[in-house]
Structure formats: structure tokens, C-alpha cells
Amino acid sequence: MPSPRRSAEGRAMGAPAASNNSSSPGSPAHGGGGRFEFQSLLSSRAPGADPTCARLRASESPVHRRGSFPLAGPGPAPAPPGSLPEEARIDLNPSFLGIALRSLLAIDLWLSKKLGVCARERSAWGSVRPLMKLLEISGHGIPWLLGTLYCLSQSDSWAGREVLMNLLFALLLDLLLVALIKGLVRRRRPAHNQMDMFVTLSVDKYSFPSGHATRAALVSRFILNHLVLAIPLRVLVVLWAFILGLSRVMLGRHNVTDVAFGFLLGYLQYSIVDYCWLSPHNAPVLFVLWSQQ
């Protein structure tokens, strides 16, 4: 008895011959309900049979959806999103020092505006403004230079000339350093300042550091170290320097940090003058020329 499997294989192997020799309408080659029509339908859906369908299926695939993978182009491949340049990382992640400096600057501007009570005539302490302007003249460089030159011309002792010569050297050094730093920093004066200052130059439109504060610290330290004064006079010299620096903020001429750095710079300037002290031994030409005049 033949097995069903052999009979099925025989029918499958004899099918092509029947399709070639038979041309009846009911044959499988003509769609008569046989298995070959079903297989032809399956073979027509095979990949690569229809390019349009293949492209549609490729576009509908989740792997090739828009945004999944960048399209290859002629240009260079874009950098991955995780790799940012160093300057961009610095901007996005500011350092602790930068945050601290910005905070101190904001506090400095706020405190300077609060203390500028004499900046205008209609300010809270506008009636004290003339007195503050007298203090401004007392710390200006021109009166100190002219007064030193006059005393130097009237002095008849070598000791007095030595002290006055070094005071003149200190004042000129102060003018040079303050003008140099102001030109480099170029910090504008406070917005509430009224530009009615006494004898201004080109660099006086800048605020950092305060020239009055540097001169007050320099001159007061010079006087306390080279003049024999009673204790009340020494206290008066220190108070003059402190009130002069405070008046710069009250008048709106400077910010608090301008005056604070000015005090520090003036204190250091005296150390430079003391280290380079001029005397008839190390600078005899200056004293000989001045004595001849």
C-alpha cells in the first residue's frame, strides 16, 4: 500500500509537467483554484519584487524612522551631543571664583549707591555736599604738589630738603601708578556721580582706584613716620585720611572697592618710597642741583 507522503510528493513532482502540457482553463496555471496560484501570489510579495513597496516598507520600519539615524551626507559627520568645547563647558558651568566675584561686584554697586548720600544737591545729605567738596580739594594732587614745591624752595636745611624731596618723589609716583592702573582697568565712575570735580584730567573719568584714597594713605603714613607730632595731631591725620576716603563714596565719585583698593595701594606705595629713599649719599646730583637753584 503506498504511503500518503509518497503520493503527495508524486503529485508535487508531476505538477509542473501537467502545467506545461495542459492548457485548460481550470488548470492551476490559469488560476483554476490550484496551489500554484497561491504560490505565485506569495512569490510576488517577495523582497525586491516591487521597488516601490520595498521603499514604503523601509520608510515604515521603526529602524529607519525619521530621527533614528542621521542621513549620510557629503559633509563631515556631526559630533556627538556629549562632546562640547571647553569654553562652552566653562560658560555652562561657571567656576566658584567667577560666581564669588560677580556677587562681590553686585554688593559693591549696591552699597556704593546706598552710601552716595551727597551725590546730588537733592540727596539725603545734600546740605553736607560743600563740606565734602572741601575735603575733595584737600586730597587733590595739585595742592599737594604745589605745596611741596613751595616748601622745598623755602627750606634751608639738608634734613628738611631730604624729607621734602622724598615727599615730592612719593606724590609723583602716586600720580604715575594711579594713572596707569586707571588706564588699564577703565572702570567707569558710578552712574549717580555728578561730574563737577576739581581740576580733572583725561584719566579722571575712570574710577578704579581712587586717587584721593591712595594719596591720603600715602601722605598720612609719610607724615606719621617722618614728622614728630603730638598724639592729637597724629589722630587727626588718620581721621583726615579715613574721612577723605569715605567722602569719595558719599559724593558718588567712587565705589567702595575703589576706595578700599586705593588705601591698600597708597600703603604699599610708601613702602616703595621708603625702600628707594633719596638722600645726598645715593642721589647727590638732585640735592646739588636743587641747592644751586
C-alpha atoms as a PDB file:
ATOM      1  CA  MET A   1       0.000   0.000   0.000  1.00  0.00           C
ATOM      2  CA  PRO A   2       1.628   3.320  -0.984  1.00  0.00           C
ATOM      3  CA  SER A   3       2.145   5.863   1.822  1.00  0.00           C
ATOM      4  CA  PRO A   4       0.380   9.254   1.740  1.00  0.00           C
ATOM      5  CA  ARG A   5       3.747  11.042   1.826  1.00  0.00           C
ATOM      6  CA  ARG A   6       4.930   9.394  -1.437  1.00  0.00           C
ATOM      7  CA  SER A   7       1.665  10.131  -3.159  1.00  0.00           C
ATOM      8  CA  ALA A   8       1.900  13.779  -2.119  1.00  0.00           C
ATOM      9  CA  GLU A   9       5.484  14.014  -3.388  1.00  0.00           C
ATOM     10  CA  GLY A  10       4.453  12.362  -6.636  1.00  0.00           C
ATOM     11  CA  ARG A  11       1.694  14.839  -7.169  1.00  0.00           C
ATOM     12  CA  ALA A  12       4.059  17.717  -6.377  1.00  0.00           C
ATOM     13  CA  MET A  13       6.692  16.465  -8.845  1.00  0.00           C
ATOM     14  CA  GLY A  14       4.118  15.768 -11.566  1.00  0.00           C
ATOM     15  CA  ALA A  15       2.501  19.154 -11.260  1.00  0.00           C
ATOM     16  CA  PRO A  16       4.948  21.057 -13.488  1.00  0.00           C
ATOM     17  CA  ALA A  17       4.569  18.572 -16.266  1.00  0.00           C
ATOM     18  CA  ALA A  18       0.822  18.901 -16.093  1.00  0.00           C
ATOM     19  CA  SER A  19       1.090  22.646 -16.186  1.00  0.00           C
ATOM     20  CA  ASN A  20       3.297  22.541 -19.239  1.00  0.00           C
ATOM     21  CA  ASN A  21       1.210  20.093 -21.195  1.00  0.00           C
ATOM     22  CA  SER A  22      -2.217  21.258 -20.102  1.00  0.00           C
ATOM     23  CA  SER A  23      -3.789  24.493 -21.197  1.00  0.00           C
ATOM     24  CA  SER A  24      -7.258  24.061 -19.902  1.00  0.00           C
ATOM     25  CA  PRO A  25      -8.945  26.950 -18.214  1.00  0.00           C
ATOM     26  CA  GLY A  26      -9.335  25.033 -14.988  1.00  0.00           C
ATOM     27  CA  SER A  27      -5.653  24.198 -14.696  1.00  0.00           C
ATOM     28  CA  PRO A  28      -3.528  25.753 -11.896  1.00  0.00           C
ATOM     29  CA  ALA A  29      -1.567  27.811 -14.439  1.00  0.00           C
ATOM     30  CA  HIS A  30      -4.751  29.642 -15.402  1.00  0.00           C
ATOM     31  CA  GLY A  31      -5.899  30.282 -11.856  1.00  0.00           C
ATOM     32  CA  GLY A  32      -8.242  27.381 -11.548  1.00  0.00           C
ATOM     33  CA  GLY A  33      -8.043  27.299  -7.776  1.00  0.00           C
ATOM     34  CA  GLY A  34      -4.859  25.188  -7.612  1.00  0.00           C
ATOM     35  CA  ARG A  35      -1.846  25.583  -5.357  1.00  0.00           C
ATOM     36  CA  PHE A  36       0.333  27.329  -7.986  1.00  0.00           C
ATOM     37  CA  GLU A  37      -1.775  30.484  -7.978  1.00  0.00           C
ATOM     38  CA  PHE A  38      -1.315  30.742  -4.216  1.00  0.00           C
ATOM     39  CA  GLN A  39       2.438  30.235  -4.563  1.00  0.00           C
ATOM     40  CA  SER A  40       2.643  32.829  -7.309  1.00  0.00           C
ATOM     41  CA  LEU A  41       0.947  35.353  -5.050  1.00  0.00           C
ATOM     42  CA  LEU A  42       3.448  34.605  -2.298  1.00  0.00           C
ATOM     43  CA  SER A  43       6.384  34.891  -4.699  1.00  0.00           C
ATOM     44  CA  SER A  44       5.141  38.287  -5.963  1.00  0.00           C
ATOM     45  CA  ARG A  45       5.396  39.661  -2.403  1.00  0.00           C
ATOM     46  CA  ALA A  46       8.992  38.559  -2.016  1.00  0.00           C
ATOM     47  CA  PRO A  47      11.532  41.320  -1.149  1.00  0.00           C
ATOM     48  CA  GLY A  48      12.906  43.038  -4.210  1.00  0.00           C
ATOM     49  CA  ALA A  49       9.931  42.138  -6.431  1.00  0.00           C
ATOM     50  CA  ASP A  50       8.420  45.633  -6.274  1.00  0.00           C
ATOM     51  CA  PRO A  51      10.874  48.514  -5.557  1.00  0.00           C
ATOM     52  CA  THR A  52       8.036  50.888  -4.601  1.00  0.00           C
ATOM     53  CA  CYS A  53       6.674  48.537  -1.984  1.00  0.00           C
ATOM     54  CA  ALA A  54      10.194  47.886  -0.707  1.00  0.00           C
ATOM     55  CA  ARG A  55      10.797  51.596  -0.255  1.00  0.00           C
ATOM     56  CA  LEU A  56       7.472  52.035   1.514  1.00  0.00           C
ATOM     57  CA  ARG A  57       8.218  49.182   3.841  1.00  0.00           C
ATOM     58  CA  ALA A  58      11.690  50.598   4.537  1.00  0.00           C
ATOM     59  CA  SER A  59      10.236  54.018   5.381  1.00  0.00           C
ATOM     60  CA  GLU A  60       7.643  52.462   7.666  1.00  0.00           C
ATOM     61  CA  SER A  61      10.252  50.416   9.511  1.00  0.00           C
ATOM     62  CA  PRO A  62      10.910  51.621  13.073  1.00  0.00           C
ATOM     63  CA  VAL A  63      14.623  51.321  12.457  1.00  0.00           C
ATOM     64  CA  HIS A  64      14.572  53.857   9.586  1.00  0.00           C
ATOM     65  CA  ARG A  65      12.105  56.332  11.019  1.00  0.00           C
ATOM     66  CA  ARG A  66      12.899  59.994  10.905  1.00  0.00           C
ATOM     67  CA  GLY A  67      15.376  60.993  13.598  1.00  0.00           C
ATOM     68  CA  SER A  68      16.558  57.459  14.375  1.00  0.00           C
ATOM     69  CA  PHE A  69      19.814  57.695  12.437  1.00  0.00           C
ATOM     70  CA  PRO A  70      21.354  60.721  10.682  1.00  0.00           C
ATOM     71  CA  LEU A  71      21.412  60.557   6.933  1.00  0.00           C
ATOM     72  CA  ALA A  72      24.816  60.221   5.410  1.00  0.00           C
ATOM     73  CA  GLY A  73      25.833  63.372   3.597  1.00  0.00           C
ATOM     74  CA  PRO A  74      28.877  64.676   1.783  1.00  0.00           C
ATOM     75  CA  GLY A  75      29.898  66.821   4.777  1.00  0.00           C
ATOM     76  CA  PRO A  76      31.734  65.710   7.919  1.00  0.00           C
ATOM     77  CA  ALA A  77      29.823  63.683  10.435  1.00  0.00           C
ATOM     78  CA  PRO A  78      28.334  65.788  13.265  1.00  0.00           C
ATOM     79  CA  ALA A  79      29.958  65.499  16.684  1.00  0.00           C
ATOM     80  CA  PRO A  80      28.092  63.569  19.344  1.00  0.00           C
ATOM     81  CA  PRO A  81      25.994  65.741  21.661  1.00  0.00           C
ATOM     82  CA  GLY A  82      28.060  64.862  24.702  1.00  0.00           C
ATOM     83  CA  SER A  83      31.326  66.403  23.462  1.00  0.00           C
ATOM     84  CA  LEU A  84      31.208  70.196  23.945  1.00  0.00           C
ATOM     85  CA  PRO A  85      34.176  72.537  23.510  1.00  0.00           C
ATOM     86  CA  GLU A  86      35.979  73.613  26.644  1.00  0.00           C
ATOM     87  CA  GLU A  87      34.821  77.232  26.534  1.00  0.00           C
ATOM     88  CA  ALA A  88      31.201  76.104  26.253  1.00  0.00           C
ATOM     89  CA  ARG A  89      31.651  73.889  29.276  1.00  0.00           C
ATOM     90  CA  ILE A  90      33.097  76.832  31.189  1.00  0.00           C
ATOM     91  CA  ASP A  91      30.116  79.033  30.284  1.00  0.00           C
ATOM     92  CA  LEU A  92      27.616  76.353  31.202  1.00  0.00           C
ATOM     93  CA  ASN A  93      29.451  75.506  34.434  1.00  0.00           C
ATOM     94  CA  PRO A  94      30.879  78.764  35.855  1.00  0.00           C
ATOM     95  CA  SER A  95      33.588  78.399  38.439  1.00  0.00           C
ATOM     96  CA  PHE A  96      33.159  79.220  42.089  1.00  0.00           C
ATOM     97  CA  LEU A  97      35.596  82.114  41.738  1.00  0.00           C
ATOM     98  CA  GLY A  98      33.541  83.683  38.948  1.00  0.00           C
ATOM     99  CA  ILE A  99      30.325  83.418  40.966  1.00  0.00           C
ATOM    100  CA  ALA A 100      32.041  84.929  44.015  1.00  0.00           C
ATOM    101  CA  LEU A 101      33.442  87.864  42.022  1.00  0.00           C
ATOM    102  CA  ARG A 102      30.058  88.624  40.448  1.00  0.00           C
ATOM    103  CA  SER A 103      28.418  88.525  43.870  1.00  0.00           C
ATOM    104  CA  LEU A 104      31.019  90.866  45.356  1.00  0.00           C
ATOM    105  CA  LEU A 105      30.603  93.251  42.426  1.00  0.00           C
ATOM    106  CA  ALA A 106      26.828  93.324  42.920  1.00  0.00           C
ATOM    107  CA  ILE A 107      27.264  94.008  46.653  1.00  0.00           C
ATOM    108  CA  ASP A 108      29.820  96.735  45.874  1.00  0.00           C
ATOM    109  CA  LEU A 109      27.467  98.538  43.490  1.00  0.00           C
ATOM    110  CA  TRP A 110      24.520  98.255  45.850  1.00  0.00           C
ATOM    111  CA  LEU A 111      26.480  99.503  48.886  1.00  0.00           C
ATOM    112  CA  SER A 112      28.064 102.363  46.935  1.00  0.00           C
ATOM    113  CA  LYS A 113      24.656 103.574  45.801  1.00  0.00           C
ATOM    114  CA  LYS A 114      23.314 103.383  49.343  1.00  0.00           C
ATOM    115  CA  LEU A 115      26.257 105.385  50.727  1.00  0.00           C
ATOM    116  CA  GLY A 116      26.115 108.046  47.986  1.00  0.00           C
ATOM    117  CA  VAL A 117      24.014 110.359  50.154  1.00  0.00           C
ATOM    118  CA  CYS A 118      25.789 113.522  48.937  1.00  0.00           C
ATOM    119  CA  ALA A 119      25.902 112.729  45.245  1.00  0.00           C
ATOM    120  CA  ARG A 120      23.319 115.419  44.367  1.00  0.00           C
ATOM    121  CA  GLU A 121      22.087 118.614  45.928  1.00  0.00           C
ATOM    122  CA  ARG A 122      18.677 116.989  46.439  1.00  0.00           C
ATOM    123  CA  SER A 123      20.136 113.849  48.004  1.00  0.00           C
ATOM    124  CA  ALA A 124      19.509 112.814  51.599  1.00  0.00           C
ATOM    125  CA  TRP A 125      22.617 114.667  52.829  1.00  0.00           C
ATOM    126  CA  GLY A 126      22.793 117.212  50.048  1.00  0.00           C
ATOM    127  CA  SER A 127      23.407 120.042  52.535  1.00  0.00           C
ATOM    128  CA  VAL A 128      26.772 118.475  53.513  1.00  0.00           C
ATOM    129  CA  ARG A 129      27.951 118.397  49.908  1.00  0.00           C
ATOM    130  CA  PRO A 130      30.009 121.685  50.087  1.00  0.00           C
ATOM    131  CA  LEU A 131      31.966 120.341  53.066  1.00  0.00           C
ATOM    132  CA  MET A 132      32.666 117.106  51.204  1.00  0.00           C
ATOM    133  CA  LYS A 133      33.926 119.084  48.227  1.00  0.00           C
ATOM    134  CA  LEU A 134      36.366 120.924  50.513  1.00  0.00           C
ATOM    135  CA  LEU A 135      37.669 117.561  51.638  1.00  0.00           C
ATOM    136  CA  GLU A 136      37.999 116.644  47.972  1.00  0.00           C
ATOM    137  CA  ILE A 137      40.256 119.640  47.355  1.00  0.00           C
ATOM    138  CA  SER A 138      42.354 118.809  50.437  1.00  0.00           C
ATOM    139  CA  GLY A 139      43.217 115.428  48.945  1.00  0.00           C
ATOM    140  CA  HIS A 140      43.781 116.566  45.366  1.00  0.00           C
ATOM    141  CA  GLY A 141      47.205 116.094  43.843  1.00  0.00           C
ATOM    142  CA  ILE A 142      47.749 119.646  42.590  1.00  0.00           C
ATOM    143  CA  PRO A 143      47.625 121.388  46.033  1.00  0.00           C
ATOM    144  CA  TRP A 144      49.976 118.764  47.450  1.00  0.00           C
ATOM    145  CA  LEU A 145      52.467 119.131  44.584  1.00  0.00           C
ATOM    146  CA  LEU A 146      52.437 122.922  44.689  1.00  0.00           C
ATOM    147  CA  GLY A 147      52.731 122.973  48.486  1.00  0.00           C
ATOM    148  CA  THR A 148      55.657 120.548  48.451  1.00  0.00           C
ATOM    149  CA  LEU A 149      57.498 122.517  45.784  1.00  0.00           C
ATOM    150  CA  TYR A 150      56.992 125.761  47.717  1.00  0.00           C
ATOM    151  CA  CYS A 151      58.239 124.281  50.999  1.00  0.00           C
ATOM    152  CA  LEU A 152      61.200 122.741  49.194  1.00  0.00           C
ATOM    153  CA  SER A 153      62.152 126.102  47.730  1.00  0.00           C
ATOM    154  CA  GLN A 154      61.942 127.760  51.170  1.00  0.00           C
ATOM    155  CA  SER A 155      63.827 125.063  53.088  1.00  0.00           C
ATOM    156  CA  ASP A 156      67.401 125.853  54.112  1.00  0.00           C
ATOM    157  CA  SER A 157      68.364 122.616  55.886  1.00  0.00           C
ATOM    158  CA  TRP A 158      69.606 119.402  54.347  1.00  0.00           C
ATOM    159  CA  ALA A 159      67.324 117.292  56.536  1.00  0.00           C
ATOM    160  CA  GLY A 160      64.244 119.283  55.532  1.00  0.00           C
ATOM    161  CA  ARG A 161      65.198 119.113  51.874  1.00  0.00           C
ATOM    162  CA  GLU A 162      65.674 115.368  52.104  1.00  0.00           C
ATOM    163  CA  VAL A 163      62.211 114.823  53.579  1.00  0.00           C
ATOM    164  CA  LEU A 164      60.530 117.166  51.116  1.00  0.00           C
ATOM    165  CA  MET A 165      62.402 115.671  48.164  1.00  0.00           C
ATOM    166  CA  ASN A 166      61.138 112.207  49.064  1.00  0.00           C
ATOM    167  CA  LEU A 167      57.613 113.557  49.585  1.00  0.00           C
ATOM    168  CA  LEU A 168      57.751 115.004  46.074  1.00  0.00           C
ATOM    169  CA  PHE A 169      59.000 111.660  44.777  1.00  0.00           C
ATOM    170  CA  ALA A 170      56.108 109.878  46.559  1.00  0.00           C
ATOM    171  CA  LEU A 171      53.497 112.224  45.075  1.00  0.00           C
ATOM    172  CA  LEU A 172      54.858 111.805  41.546  1.00  0.00           C
ATOM    173  CA  LEU A 173      54.981 108.031  41.973  1.00  0.00           C
ATOM    174  CA  ASP A 174      51.367 108.064  43.160  1.00  0.00           C
ATOM    175  CA  LEU A 175      50.207 110.067  40.148  1.00  0.00           C
ATOM    176  CA  LEU A 176      52.011 107.739  37.759  1.00  0.00           C
ATOM    177  CA  LEU A 177      50.744 104.469  39.255  1.00  0.00           C
ATOM    178  CA  VAL A 178      47.142 105.640  39.642  1.00  0.00           C
ATOM    179  CA  ALA A 179      47.011 106.952  36.067  1.00  0.00           C
ATOM    180  CA  LEU A 180      48.492 103.687  34.781  1.00  0.00           C
ATOM    181  CA  ILE A 181      46.016 101.471  36.647  1.00  0.00           C
ATOM    182  CA  LYS A 182      43.051 103.642  35.692  1.00  0.00           C
ATOM    183  CA  GLY A 183      44.053 103.446  32.046  1.00  0.00           C
ATOM    184  CA  LEU A 184      44.352  99.674  32.218  1.00  0.00           C
ATOM    185  CA  VAL A 185      41.189  98.886  34.197  1.00  0.00           C
ATOM    186  CA  ARG A 186      38.950 101.598  32.660  1.00  0.00           C
ATOM    187  CA  ARG A 187      36.158 101.248  35.200  1.00  0.00           C
ATOM    188  CA  ARG A 188      33.541 103.935  34.794  1.00  0.00           C
ATOM    189  CA  ARG A 189      32.516 106.138  37.678  1.00  0.00           C
ATOM    190  CA  PRO A 190      29.177 105.400  39.387  1.00  0.00           C
ATOM    191  CA  ALA A 191      26.065 106.359  37.470  1.00  0.00           C
ATOM    192  CA  HIS A 192      24.860 108.661  40.266  1.00  0.00           C
ATOM    193  CA  ASN A 193      28.062 110.732  40.184  1.00  0.00           C
ATOM    194  CA  GLN A 194      27.840 114.405  39.242  1.00  0.00           C
ATOM    195  CA  MET A 195      30.843 115.390  37.122  1.00  0.00           C
ATOM    196  CA  ASP A 196      31.767 118.611  38.919  1.00  0.00           C
ATOM    197  CA  MET A 197      35.150 117.517  40.243  1.00  0.00           C
ATOM    198  CA  PHE A 198      38.063 119.831  40.932  1.00  0.00           C
ATOM    199  CA  VAL A 199      40.598 120.003  38.039  1.00  0.00           C
ATOM    200  CA  THR A 200      40.160 116.711  36.188  1.00  0.00           C
ATOM    201  CA  LEU A 201      42.444 115.133  33.578  1.00  0.00           C
ATOM    202  CA  SER A 202      41.731 112.569  30.867  1.00  0.00           C
ATOM    203  CA  VAL A 203      42.121 109.511  33.147  1.00  0.00           C
ATOM    204  CA  ASP A 204      39.913 111.061  35.833  1.00  0.00           C
ATOM    205  CA  LYS A 205      36.815 109.823  34.022  1.00  0.00           C
ATOM    206  CA  TYR A 206      37.712 106.350  35.307  1.00  0.00           C
ATOM    207  CA  SER A 207      37.024 105.225  38.823  1.00  0.00           C
ATOM    208  CA  PHE A 208      39.400 102.422  39.839  1.00  0.00           C
ATOM    209  CA  PRO A 209      41.366 103.080  42.009  1.00  0.00           C
ATOM    210  CA  SER A 210      40.574 106.243  43.944  1.00  0.00           C
ATOM    211  CA  GLY A 211      43.480 108.658  43.608  1.00  0.00           C
ATOM    212  CA  HIS A 212      42.357 110.580  46.686  1.00  0.00           C
ATOM    213  CA  ALA A 213      42.380 107.381  48.754  1.00  0.00           C
ATOM    214  CA  THR A 214      45.862 106.383  47.570  1.00  0.00           C
ATOM    215  CA  ARG A 215      47.195 109.863  48.282  1.00  0.00           C
ATOM    216  CA  ALA A 216      45.545 110.007  51.691  1.00  0.00           C
ATOM    217  CA  ALA A 217      47.062 106.690  52.764  1.00  0.00           C
ATOM    218  CA  LEU A 218      50.477 107.569  51.308  1.00  0.00           C
ATOM    219  CA  VAL A 219      50.708 111.068  52.789  1.00  0.00           C
ATOM    220  CA  SER A 220      49.354 110.118  56.200  1.00  0.00           C
ATOM    221  CA  ARG A 221      51.829 107.253  56.544  1.00  0.00           C
ATOM    222  CA  PHE A 222      54.635 109.507  55.329  1.00  0.00           C
ATOM    223  CA  ILE A 223      53.778 112.227  57.860  1.00  0.00           C
ATOM    224  CA  LEU A 224      53.414 109.793  60.757  1.00  0.00           C
ATOM    225  CA  ASN A 225      56.843 108.291  60.050  1.00  0.00           C
ATOM    226  CA  HIS A 226      58.870 111.444  59.333  1.00  0.00           C
ATOM    227  CA  LEU A 227      57.286 114.237  61.365  1.00  0.00           C
ATOM    228  CA  VAL A 228      57.303 114.497  65.118  1.00  0.00           C
ATOM    229  CA  LEU A 229      53.671 115.220  66.034  1.00  0.00           C
ATOM    230  CA  ALA A 230      51.672 115.142  69.233  1.00  0.00           C
ATOM    231  CA  ILE A 231      49.174 112.334  69.695  1.00  0.00           C
ATOM    232  CA  PRO A 232      46.101 114.510  68.950  1.00  0.00           C
ATOM    233  CA  LEU A 233      47.671 115.615  65.687  1.00  0.00           C
ATOM    234  CA  ARG A 234      48.506 112.038  64.755  1.00  0.00           C
ATOM    235  CA  VAL A 235      44.903 111.017  65.404  1.00  0.00           C
ATOM    236  CA  LEU A 236      43.746 113.962  63.323  1.00  0.00           C
ATOM    237  CA  VAL A 237      45.923 112.838  60.393  1.00  0.00           C
ATOM    238  CA  VAL A 238      44.424 109.326  60.498  1.00  0.00           C
ATOM    239  CA  LEU A 239      40.883 110.713  60.732  1.00  0.00           C
ATOM    240  CA  TRP A 240      41.537 113.007  57.776  1.00  0.00           C
ATOM    241  CA  ALA A 241      42.634 110.079  55.620  1.00  0.00           C
ATOM    242  CA  PHE A 242      39.641 107.940  56.646  1.00  0.00           C
ATOM    243  CA  ILE A 243      37.035 110.700  56.195  1.00  0.00           C
ATOM    244  CA  LEU A 244      38.552 111.679  52.847  1.00  0.00           C
ATOM    245  CA  GLY A 245      38.126 108.131  51.577  1.00  0.00           C
ATOM    246  CA  LEU A 246      34.570 107.947  52.904  1.00  0.00           C
ATOM    247  CA  SER A 247      33.705 111.277  51.274  1.00  0.00           C
ATOM    248  CA  ARG A 248      34.599 109.839  47.874  1.00  0.00           C
ATOM    249  CA  VAL A 249      31.812 107.293  48.230  1.00  0.00           C
ATOM    250  CA  MET A 250      29.364 109.771  49.759  1.00  0.00           C
ATOM    251  CA  LEU A 251      29.892 112.172  46.866  1.00  0.00           C
ATOM    252  CA  GLY A 252      29.303 109.347  44.393  1.00  0.00           C
ATOM    253  CA  ARG A 253      32.779 109.715  42.895  1.00  0.00           C
ATOM    254  CA  HIS A 254      33.847 106.142  43.579  1.00  0.00           C
ATOM    255  CA  ASN A 255      32.605 102.736  44.576  1.00  0.00           C
ATOM    256  CA  VAL A 256      33.576 101.142  47.870  1.00  0.00           C
ATOM    257  CA  THR A 257      36.110  98.820  46.248  1.00  0.00           C
ATOM    258  CA  ASP A 258      37.805 101.770  44.517  1.00  0.00           C
ATOM    259  CA  VAL A 259      38.486 103.424  47.865  1.00  0.00           C
ATOM    260  CA  ALA A 260      39.483 100.183  49.607  1.00  0.00           C
ATOM    261  CA  PHE A 261      41.999  99.317  46.897  1.00  0.00           C
ATOM    262  CA  GLY A 262      43.216 102.935  46.943  1.00  0.00           C
ATOM    263  CA  PHE A 263      44.022 102.722  50.640  1.00  0.00           C
ATOM    264  CA  LEU A 264      45.917  99.475  50.079  1.00  0.00           C
ATOM    265  CA  LEU A 265      47.837 100.876  47.111  1.00  0.00           C
ATOM    266  CA  GLY A 266      48.802 104.037  48.989  1.00  0.00           C
ATOM    267  CA  TYR A 267      50.023 101.989  51.936  1.00  0.00           C
ATOM    268  CA  LEU A 268      52.213  99.916  49.598  1.00  0.00           C
ATOM    269  CA  GLN A 269      53.484 102.999  47.790  1.00  0.00           C
ATOM    270  CA  TYR A 270      55.035 104.313  50.960  1.00  0.00           C
ATOM    271  CA  SER A 271      56.911 101.016  51.314  1.00  0.00           C
ATOM    272  CA  ILE A 272      58.343 101.606  47.833  1.00  0.00           C
ATOM    273  CA  VAL A 273      59.336 105.172  48.738  1.00  0.00           C
ATOM    274  CA  ASP A 274      60.928 104.039  51.980  1.00  0.00           C
ATOM    275  CA  TYR A 275      62.886 101.337  50.133  1.00  0.00           C
ATOM    276  CA  CYS A 276      64.066 103.825  47.459  1.00  0.00           C
ATOM    277  CA  TRP A 277      64.671 106.648  49.920  1.00  0.00           C
ATOM    278  CA  LEU A 278      66.539 109.512  48.283  1.00  0.00           C
ATOM    279  CA  SER A 279      69.428 111.021  50.233  1.00  0.00           C
ATOM    280  CA  PRO A 280      72.574 113.066  49.487  1.00  0.00           C
ATOM    281  CA  HIS A 281      74.506 109.791  49.574  1.00  0.00           C
ATOM    282  CA  ASN A 282      72.591 107.822  46.907  1.00  0.00           C
ATOM    283  CA  ALA A 283      71.262 110.782  44.860  1.00  0.00           C
ATOM    284  CA  PRO A 284      73.741 113.633  45.330  1.00  0.00           C
ATOM    285  CA  VAL A 285      73.030 115.144  41.913  1.00  0.00           C
ATOM    286  CA  LEU A 286      69.427 116.010  42.812  1.00  0.00           C
ATOM    287  CA  PHE A 287      70.392 117.756  46.031  1.00  0.00           C
ATOM    288  CA  VAL A 288      73.273 119.648  44.428  1.00  0.00           C
ATOM    289  CA  LEU A 289      71.075 120.891  41.600  1.00  0.00           C
ATOM    290  CA  TRP A 290      68.337 121.965  43.998  1.00  0.00           C
ATOM    291  CA  SER A 291      70.783 123.745  46.331  1.00  0.00           C
ATOM    292  CA  GLN A 292      72.189 125.713  43.386  1.00  0.00           C
ATOM    293  CA  GLN A 293      68.719 126.868  42.440  1.00  0.00           C
END
